[in-house]
C-alpha atoms as a PDB file:
ATOM      1  CA  MET A   1     141.662  80.165 212.689  1.00  0.00           C
ATOM      2  CA  PHE A   2     140.749  77.237 211.328  1.00  0.00           C
ATOM      3  CA  GLU A   3     137.239  78.495 210.364  1.00  0.00           C
ATOM      4  CA  ASP A   4     138.495  81.280 208.570  1.00  0.00           C
ATOM      5  CA  SER A   5     140.839  79.394 205.978  1.00  0.00           C
ATOM      6  CA  LEU A   6     137.605  77.268 205.326  1.00  0.00           C
ATOM      7  CA  PHE A   7     135.736  80.547 204.618  1.00  0.00           C
ATOM      8  CA  GLU A   8     138.655  81.631 202.522  1.00  0.00           C
ATOM      9  CA  SER A   9     139.158  78.532 200.350  1.00  0.00           C
ATOM     10  CA  GLY A  10     135.414  77.945 199.777  1.00  0.00           C
ATOM     11  CA  GLY A  11     135.387  80.954 198.031  1.00  0.00           C
ATOM     12  CA  LYS A  12     138.104  80.456 196.230  1.00  0.00           C
ATOM     13  CA  LEU A  13     136.863  77.193 194.819  1.00  0.00           C
ATOM     14  CA  LYS A  14     133.197  78.909 194.039  1.00  0.00           C
ATOM     15  CA  THR A  15     134.889  81.661 191.775  1.00  0.00           C
ATOM     16  CA  LYS A  16     136.980  78.869 189.687  1.00  0.00           C
ATOM     17  CA  ARG A  17     134.243  77.101 189.158  1.00  0.00           C
ATOM     18  CA  GLY A  18     132.199  79.735 188.058  1.00  0.00           C
ATOM     19  CA  ARG A  19     134.865  80.688 185.570  1.00  0.00           C
ATOM     20  CA  THR A  20     135.106  77.149 184.083  1.00  0.00           C
ATOM     21  CA  THR A  21     131.555  76.999 183.486  1.00  0.00           C
ATOM     22  CA  SER A  22     131.173  79.979 180.993  1.00  0.00           C
ATOM     23  CA  ILE A  23     134.000  79.172 179.441  1.00  0.00           C
ATOM     24  CA  SER A  24     132.874  75.801 178.298  1.00  0.00           C
ATOM     25  CA  PHE A  25     129.330  77.007 177.455  1.00  0.00           C
ATOM     26  CA  VAL A  26     131.302  79.744 175.404  1.00  0.00           C
ATOM     27  CA  ILE A  27     133.240  77.183 173.566  1.00  0.00           C
ATOM     28  CA  GLN A  28     130.355  75.242 172.822  1.00  0.00           C
ATOM     29  CA  ALA A  29     128.567  77.353 171.254  1.00  0.00           C
ATOM     30  CA  VAL A  30     131.641  78.087 169.350  1.00  0.00           C
ATOM     31  CA  ILE A  31     131.770  74.496 168.308  1.00  0.00           C
ATOM     32  CA  ILE A  32     127.931  74.119 167.412  1.00  0.00           C
ATOM     33  CA  GLY A  33     127.735  77.910 165.373  1.00  0.00           C
ATOM     34  CA  VAL A  34     130.582  75.947 163.113  1.00  0.00           C
ATOM     35  CA  LEU A  35     129.027  73.080 162.587  1.00  0.00           C
ATOM     36  CA  VAL A  36     125.926  74.478 161.417  1.00  0.00           C
ATOM     37  CA  LEU A  37     127.980  77.296 159.231  1.00  0.00           C
ATOM     38  CA  ILE A  38     130.144  75.020 157.368  1.00  0.00           C
ATOM     39  CA  PRO A  39     127.459  73.323 154.961  1.00  0.00           C
ATOM     40  CA  LEU A  40     125.879  76.682 154.312  1.00  0.00           C
ATOM     41  CA  LEU A  41     129.216  77.715 153.519  1.00  0.00           C
ATOM     42  CA  PHE A  42     130.272  74.657 151.497  1.00  0.00           C
ATOM     43  CA  THR A  43     127.249  73.106 149.924  1.00  0.00           C
ATOM     44  CA  GLU A  44     129.841  70.882 147.603  1.00  0.00           C
ATOM     45  CA  ALA A  45     130.668  68.788 150.717  1.00  0.00           C
ATOM     46  CA  LEU A  46     127.462  67.826 151.254  1.00  0.00           C
ATOM     47  CA  PRO A  47     126.356  63.933 149.789  1.00  0.00           C
ATOM     48  CA  LYS A  48     124.582  64.018 146.346  1.00  0.00           C
ATOM     49  CA  ALA A  49     122.381  61.574 147.374  1.00  0.00           C
ATOM     50  CA  MET A  50     121.350  63.555 150.325  1.00  0.00           C
ATOM     51  CA  THR A  51     120.917  67.126 148.354  1.00  0.00           C
ATOM     52  CA  MET A  52     118.964  65.497 145.727  1.00  0.00           C
ATOM     53  CA  THR A  53     117.071  64.004 148.240  1.00  0.00           C
ATOM     54  CA  PHE A  54     116.208  67.592 149.387  1.00  0.00           C
ATOM     55  CA  LEU A  55     115.691  68.703 145.953  1.00  0.00           C
ATOM     56  CA  ALA A  56     113.188  66.067 144.393  1.00  0.00           C
ATOM     57  CA  ALA A  57     109.580  67.172 144.413  1.00  0.00           C
ATOM     58  CA  PRO A  58     107.501  64.701 146.405  1.00  0.00           C
ATOM     59  CA  PRO A  59     105.742  61.535 144.557  1.00  0.00           C
ATOM     60  CA  PRO A  60     102.242  62.200 143.005  1.00  0.00           C
ATOM     61  CA  PRO A  61      99.532  61.133 145.289  1.00  0.00           C
ATOM     62  CA  PRO A  62      97.819  57.605 143.940  1.00  0.00           C
ATOM     63  CA  PRO A  63      95.400  57.595 141.665  1.00  0.00           C
ATOM     64  CA  PRO A  64      91.621  57.418 143.083  1.00  0.00           C
ATOM     65  CA  PRO A  65      89.975  53.816 143.274  1.00  0.00           C
ATOM     66  CA  PRO A  66      88.121  52.694 140.305  1.00  0.00           C
ATOM     67  CA  PRO A  67      84.127  53.483 140.694  1.00  0.00           C
ATOM     68  CA  PRO A  68      82.224  50.374 142.293  1.00  0.00           C
ATOM     69  CA  ALA A  69      80.770  47.937 139.392  1.00  0.00           C
ATOM     70  CA  ALA A  70      77.407  48.527 138.766  1.00  0.00           C
ATOM     71  CA  VAL A  71      75.095  45.691 140.059  1.00  0.00           C
ATOM     72  CA  VAL A  72      72.693  44.255 137.396  1.00  0.00           C
ATOM     73  CA  HIS A  73      69.257  43.138 139.035  1.00  0.00           C
ATOM     74  CA  VAL A  74      68.331  40.054 137.083  1.00  0.00           C
ATOM     75  CA  LYS A  75      64.248  39.763 137.447  1.00  0.00           C
ATOM     76  CA  LYS A  76      62.856  36.419 137.333  1.00  0.00           C
ATOM     77  CA  ILE A  77      59.642  36.275 135.602  1.00  0.00           C
ATOM     78  CA  GLU A  78      57.429  33.666 136.741  1.00  0.00           C
ATOM     79  CA  THR A  79      55.097  31.466 134.360  1.00  0.00           C
ATOM     80  CA  ASP A  80      53.299  28.759 134.716  1.00  0.00           C
ATOM     81  CA  MET A  81      54.753  26.363 132.253  1.00  0.00           C
ATOM     82  CA  VAL A  82      57.768  23.836 133.229  1.00  0.00           C
ATOM     83  CA  ASN A  83      59.360  21.790 130.841  1.00  0.00           C
ATOM     84  CA  ASN A  84      56.334  22.672 128.231  1.00  0.00           C
ATOM     85  CA  GLN A  85      53.777  21.472 131.147  1.00  0.00           C
ATOM     86  CA  LEU A  86      51.733  23.368 132.827  1.00  0.00           C
ATOM     87  CA  ARG A  87      52.485  23.523 136.789  1.00  0.00           C
ATOM     88  CA  THR A  88      50.290  22.899 139.667  1.00  0.00           C
ATOM     89  CA  PRO A  89      49.321  25.935 141.279  1.00  0.00           C
ATOM     90  CA  THR A  90      50.301  26.858 144.508  1.00  0.00           C
ATOM     91  CA  LYS A  91      47.232  28.556 146.210  1.00  0.00           C
ATOM     92  CA  ILE A  92      43.286  29.262 145.120  1.00  0.00           C
ATOM     93  CA  PRO A  93      42.660  32.483 142.729  1.00  0.00           C
ATOM     94  CA  LYS A  94      39.747  34.291 144.295  1.00  0.00           C
ATOM     95  CA  GLN A  95      38.526  34.918 140.647  1.00  0.00           C
ATOM     96  CA  VAL A  96      38.101  32.740 137.726  1.00  0.00           C
ATOM     97  CA  LYS A  97      37.866  34.323 134.512  1.00  0.00           C
ATOM     98  CA  MET A  98      35.054  32.701 131.892  1.00  0.00           C
ATOM     99  CA  ILE A  99      36.553  32.512 128.495  1.00  0.00           C
ATOM    100  CA  LYS A 100      33.995  32.672 125.864  1.00  0.00           C
ATOM    101  CA  GLU A 101      34.679  31.489 122.703  1.00  0.00           C
ATOM    102  CA  ASP A 102      33.224  33.601 119.477  1.00  0.00           C
ATOM    103  CA  THR A 103      30.584  31.547 117.349  1.00  0.00           C
ATOM    104  CA  SER A 104      31.924  29.249 114.276  1.00  0.00           C
ATOM    105  CA  PRO A 105      30.765  30.876 111.075  1.00  0.00           C
ATOM    106  CA  PRO A 106      27.900  29.911 108.986  1.00  0.00           C
ATOM    107  CA  PRO A 107      28.994  26.928 106.699  1.00  0.00           C
ATOM    108  CA  VAL A 108      29.792  27.292 103.009  1.00  0.00           C
ATOM    109  CA  ASP A 109      30.203  25.167 100.143  1.00  0.00           C
ATOM    110  CA  ALA A 110      33.592  23.605 100.525  1.00  0.00           C
ATOM    111  CA  GLY A 111      36.395  24.523  97.764  1.00  0.00           C
ATOM    112  CA  VAL A 112      38.945  22.591  96.433  1.00  0.00           C
ATOM    113  CA  VAL A 113      41.955  22.173  98.731  1.00  0.00           C
ATOM    114  CA  GLY A 114      44.500  24.749  98.104  1.00  0.00           C
ATOM    115  CA  GLY A 115      42.102  27.432  96.639  1.00  0.00           C
ATOM    116  CA  VAL A 116      42.283  30.765  97.660  1.00  0.00           C
ATOM    117  CA  PRO A 117      39.790  33.005  99.576  1.00  0.00           C
ATOM    118  CA  GLY A 118      36.866  34.613  97.373  1.00  0.00           C
ATOM    119  CA  GLY A 119      37.022  31.642  94.768  1.00  0.00           C
ATOM    120  CA  VAL A 120      33.813  30.931  93.290  1.00  0.00           C
ATOM    121  CA  PRO A 121      32.440  27.249  94.803  1.00  0.00           C
ATOM    122  CA  GLY A 122      33.395  24.435  92.695  1.00  0.00           C
ATOM    123  CA  GLY A 123      36.181  26.136  91.004  1.00  0.00           C
ATOM    124  CA  SER A 124      38.925  24.019  89.926  1.00  0.00           C
ATOM    125  CA  MET A 125      42.479  23.012  91.449  1.00  0.00           C
ATOM    126  CA  GLY A 126      44.691  25.550  89.465  1.00  0.00           C
ATOM    127  CA  GLY A 127      42.611  28.422  88.728  1.00  0.00           C
ATOM    128  CA  VAL A 128      41.610  29.607  85.047  1.00  0.00           C
ATOM    129  CA  MET A 129      44.370  28.227  82.961  1.00  0.00           C
ATOM    130  CA  GLY A 130      44.777  25.260  85.184  1.00  0.00           C
ATOM    131  CA  SER A 131      40.881  24.109  84.486  1.00  0.00           C
ATOM    132  CA  ILE A 132      41.272  25.111  80.727  1.00  0.00           C
ATOM    133  CA  LEU A 133      44.258  22.992  80.684  1.00  0.00           C
ATOM    134  CA  ALA A 134      43.068  20.168  82.765  1.00  0.00           C
ATOM    135  CA  ASN A 135      39.779  19.960  80.450  1.00  0.00           C
ATOM    136  CA  ASN A 136      41.480  20.101  76.709  1.00  0.00           C
ATOM    137  CA  ASN A 137      44.286  17.975  77.665  1.00  0.00           C
ATOM    138  CA  THR A 138      46.586  20.369  75.712  1.00  0.00           C
ATOM    139  CA  PRO A 139      50.068  19.802  75.814  1.00  0.00           C
ATOM    140  CA  ALA A 140      52.717  22.527  76.873  1.00  0.00           C
ATOM    141  CA  PRO A 141      54.272  24.265  74.284  1.00  0.00           C
ATOM    142  CA  LYS A 142      58.013  23.617  73.595  1.00  0.00           C
ATOM    143  CA  VAL A 143      60.358  25.573  72.959  1.00  0.00           C
ATOM    144  CA  ALA A 144      61.886  25.745  70.076  1.00  0.00           C
ATOM    145  CA  ALA A 145      65.727  24.413  69.664  1.00  0.00           C
ATOM    146  CA  PRO A 146      68.241  27.051  67.828  1.00  0.00           C
ATOM    147  CA  GLN A 147      69.155  26.099  64.981  1.00  0.00           C
ATOM    148  CA  ARG A 148      73.260  26.078  65.600  1.00  0.00           C
ATOM    149  CA  ILE A 149      75.198  26.592  68.603  1.00  0.00           C
ATOM    150  CA  ARG A 150      78.948  26.976  69.364  1.00  0.00           C
ATOM    151  CA  VAL A 151      80.730  23.980  71.249  1.00  0.00           C
ATOM    152  CA  SER A 152      83.755  23.801  72.161  1.00  0.00           C
ATOM    153  CA  SER A 153      86.662  21.146  70.817  1.00  0.00           C
ATOM    154  CA  GLY A 154      87.052  19.410  73.581  1.00  0.00           C
ATOM    155  CA  VAL A 155      83.284  18.486  73.478  1.00  0.00           C
ATOM    156  CA  THR A 156      83.206  17.831  69.904  1.00  0.00           C
ATOM    157  CA  GLN A 157      86.362  15.345  70.779  1.00  0.00           C
ATOM    158  CA  GLY A 158      84.327  12.994  72.328  1.00  0.00           C
ATOM    159  CA  LEU A 159      81.333  12.818  69.824  1.00  0.00           C
ATOM    160  CA  LEU A 160      83.984  11.779  66.657  1.00  0.00           C
ATOM    161  CA  VAL A 161      83.257   8.320  65.606  1.00  0.00           C
ATOM    162  CA  ARG A 162      86.089   8.729  62.298  1.00  0.00           C
ATOM    163  CA  ARG A 163      88.648  10.315  61.795  1.00  0.00           C
ATOM    164  CA  VAL A 164      91.301  10.051  59.031  1.00  0.00           C
ATOM    165  CA  GLU A 165      94.970  11.388  59.528  1.00  0.00           C
ATOM    166  CA  PRO A 166      96.428  13.800  56.898  1.00  0.00           C
ATOM    167  CA  GLN A 167      98.583  12.897  54.571  1.00  0.00           C
ATOM    168  CA  TYR A 168     101.568  14.924  55.071  1.00  0.00           C
ATOM    169  CA  PRO A 169     102.387  17.308  52.035  1.00  0.00           C
ATOM    170  CA  GLN A 170     105.605  16.668  50.187  1.00  0.00           C
ATOM    171  CA  MET A 171     106.843  19.732  49.753  1.00  0.00           C
ATOM    172  CA  ALA A 172     106.464  20.438  53.461  1.00  0.00           C
ATOM    173  CA  LYS A 173     108.796  17.443  54.110  1.00  0.00           C
ATOM    174  CA  ILE A 174     111.364  18.902  51.600  1.00  0.00           C
ATOM    175  CA  ALA A 175     110.939  22.210  53.509  1.00  0.00           C
ATOM    176  CA  ARG A 176     111.440  20.510  56.602  1.00  0.00           C
ATOM    177  CA  VAL A 177     107.276  22.205  57.622  1.00  0.00           C
ATOM    178  CA  GLN A 178     105.529  21.055  60.336  1.00  0.00           C
ATOM    179  CA  GLY A 179     102.850  22.726  63.258  1.00  0.00           C
ATOM    180  CA  ALA A 180      99.744  22.984  64.234  1.00  0.00           C
ATOM    181  CA  VAL A 181      96.376  24.061  61.107  1.00  0.00           C
ATOM    182  CA  VAL A 182      93.517  25.385  63.284  1.00  0.00           C
ATOM    183  CA  LEU A 183      89.862  24.902  61.514  1.00  0.00           C
ATOM    184  CA  ASN A 184      87.079  26.308  62.125  1.00  0.00           C
ATOM    185  CA  ALA A 185      83.889  23.741  60.760  1.00  0.00           C
ATOM    186  CA  VAL A 186      80.170  23.296  61.276  1.00  0.00           C
ATOM    187  CA  ILE A 187      79.150  19.952  61.885  1.00  0.00           C
ATOM    188  CA  GLY A 188      75.489  19.080  60.640  1.00  0.00           C
ATOM    189  CA  LYS A 189      72.852  17.626  62.338  1.00  0.00           C
ATOM    190  CA  ASP A 190      73.561  14.318  60.800  1.00  0.00           C
ATOM    191  CA  GLY A 191      76.912  14.683  62.096  1.00  0.00           C
ATOM    192  CA  ALA A 192      78.782  15.610  58.725  1.00  0.00           C
ATOM    193  CA  ILE A 193      81.638  18.007  58.021  1.00  0.00           C
ATOM    194  CA  GLN A 194      79.532  20.534  56.585  1.00  0.00           C
ATOM    195  CA  GLY A 195      81.745  24.157  56.560  1.00  0.00           C
ATOM    196  CA  LEU A 196      85.228  24.489  56.534  1.00  0.00           C
ATOM    197  CA  HIS A 197      87.433  26.868  56.728  1.00  0.00           C
ATOM    198  CA  VAL A 198      91.546  27.797  57.836  1.00  0.00           C
ATOM    199  CA  GLU A 199      91.561  30.301  61.130  1.00  0.00           C
ATOM    200  CA  ARG A 200      95.681  29.941  61.685  1.00  0.00           C
ATOM    201  CA  SER A 201      98.029  27.931  60.006  1.00  0.00           C
ATOM    202  CA  ALA A 202     101.844  27.320  60.609  1.00  0.00           C
ATOM    203  CA  SER A 203     102.529  27.297  57.087  1.00  0.00           C
ATOM    204  CA  PRO A 204     100.108  27.401  53.755  1.00  0.00           C
ATOM    205  CA  LEU A 205     102.159  23.753  52.765  1.00  0.00           C
ATOM    206  CA  LEU A 206      99.624  22.347  55.236  1.00  0.00           C
ATOM    207  CA  ASN A 207      96.380  23.623  54.550  1.00  0.00           C
ATOM    208  CA  GLN A 208      95.377  21.716  51.750  1.00  0.00           C
ATOM    209  CA  ALA A 209      95.688  18.339  53.257  1.00  0.00           C
ATOM    210  CA  ALA A 210      94.189  19.315  56.821  1.00  0.00           C
ATOM    211  CA  LEU A 211      91.304  20.444  54.743  1.00  0.00           C
ATOM    212  CA  ASP A 212      90.981  17.478  52.801  1.00  0.00           C
ATOM    213  CA  ALA A 213      91.249  14.607  55.869  1.00  0.00           C
ATOM    214  CA  VAL A 214      89.044  16.813  58.180  1.00  0.00           C
ATOM    215  CA  LYS A 215      86.259  16.736  55.696  1.00  0.00           C
ATOM    216  CA  GLN A 216      86.259  12.811  55.542  1.00  0.00           C
ATOM    217  CA  TRP A 217      85.384  12.815  59.656  1.00  0.00           C
ATOM    218  CA  LYS A 218      82.243  11.988  60.786  1.00  0.00           C
ATOM    219  CA  TYR A 219      80.871  12.787  64.558  1.00  0.00           C
ATOM    220  CA  ARG A 220      77.528  11.309  66.589  1.00  0.00           C
ATOM    221  CA  PRO A 221      74.669  14.763  66.609  1.00  0.00           C
ATOM    222  CA  TYR A 222      74.260  17.081  69.215  1.00  0.00           C
ATOM    223  CA  ILE A 223      71.172  16.733  70.307  1.00  0.00           C
ATOM    224  CA  LEU A 224      69.777  19.850  72.240  1.00  0.00           C
ATOM    225  CA  ASN A 225      66.377  19.818  73.922  1.00  0.00           C
ATOM    226  CA  GLY A 226      65.673  16.412  72.454  1.00  0.00           C
ATOM    227  CA  GLU A 227      66.612  17.618  68.829  1.00  0.00           C
ATOM    228  CA  PRO A 228      69.751  17.129  67.075  1.00  0.00           C
ATOM    229  CA  VAL A 229      70.992  20.900  65.770  1.00  0.00           C
ATOM    230  CA  GLU A 230      73.876  22.193  63.667  1.00  0.00           C
ATOM    231  CA  VAL A 231      77.763  22.658  66.081  1.00  0.00           C
ATOM    232  CA  ASP A 232      80.141  25.807  65.088  1.00  0.00           C
ATOM    233  CA  THR A 233      83.492  24.611  66.256  1.00  0.00           C
ATOM    234  CA  THR A 234      87.097  24.678  66.095  1.00  0.00           C
ATOM    235  CA  ILE A 235      89.436  21.508  64.833  1.00  0.00           C
ATOM    236  CA  THR A 236      93.226  21.580  65.260  1.00  0.00           C
ATOM    237  CA  VAL A 237      95.385  18.967  63.124  1.00  0.00           C
ATOM    238  CA  ASN A 238      98.898  18.907  63.948  1.00  0.00           C
ATOM    239  CA  PHE A 239     101.707  18.044  61.233  1.00  0.00           C
ATOM    240  CA  THR A 240     105.079  16.586  63.387  1.00  0.00           C
ATOM    241  CA  LEU A 241     107.923  15.685  61.172  1.00  0.00           C
ATOM    242  CA  SER A 242     109.427  11.837  62.208  1.00  0.00           C
ATOM    243  CA  GLY A 243     112.619  12.765  62.381  1.00  0.00           C
ATOM    244  CA  GLY A 244     112.566  15.581  64.183  1.00  0.00           C
END
C-alpha cells in the first residue's frame, strides 16, 4: 500500500514539472520576440548616436606610404694630386709610358716684343703707322674746339669777376613794379658781354636798367681743350623794392 502511494505521487510530480517547463519556454520565447520586434517597429525610440553609427559610411582607407627616396651614389674620382702635390703611388705600375717631346722648330729672326704672327723680321713696334709716327716725330692732330658752347647760368656765375648792380627805374618805383628780368647773353673769348637781349621780364619798365647793368659785367674766359671759347648763357637780374 505504501509503495502504491509513492508511485502515484511520483507520477503526479513528473506531470506538473513537464507542464511548468513548457509554459516557461513559451513565455521566454514570447518575451524575446517582443524585444526583437519593438526596435523594428519603433525606430524613433532608438538613440540617435546609435542610428548614425549604423548609417555612417566606413572611414576611407589610409593613403599609401610615400615611395622611398632615390639613393644617390657618389662616385669618388681618384686623382694623383693631393693639396696641389703629386702623391706617392701605392703600387708600382707594370708598364711605364715614355713621353716623347716634339722637336723644336728651327730658329727664326727675333721680332719685336708685342708683334703679331706673320710680321716682317726686324719690324718696329706699333706697325706701319707707329713706325711712320716714330720716325717722323709728327705730333698727333689736335681736335678743333667749337667756336661757341651753351653753358648753364650756374657755371658762368662762378666765372664772374665784376658785377654792376642795376639802377632801379624811377617809373618802376612809382608804379611799385618788381620782379626778375631774364637776359640771353653771349660772353666772348675775352670774358666781355658781346650779345644781350631780353628773354622774359616781369615788366618792360625794368628791361633797360637790366641791360645797361649787365653790359658792364666781366667774366673769366671759358677754357675748352686748352683754348678760350664763346659762351651762350642766361643771366637773371632781380629787382626788389626795399619797402615791399
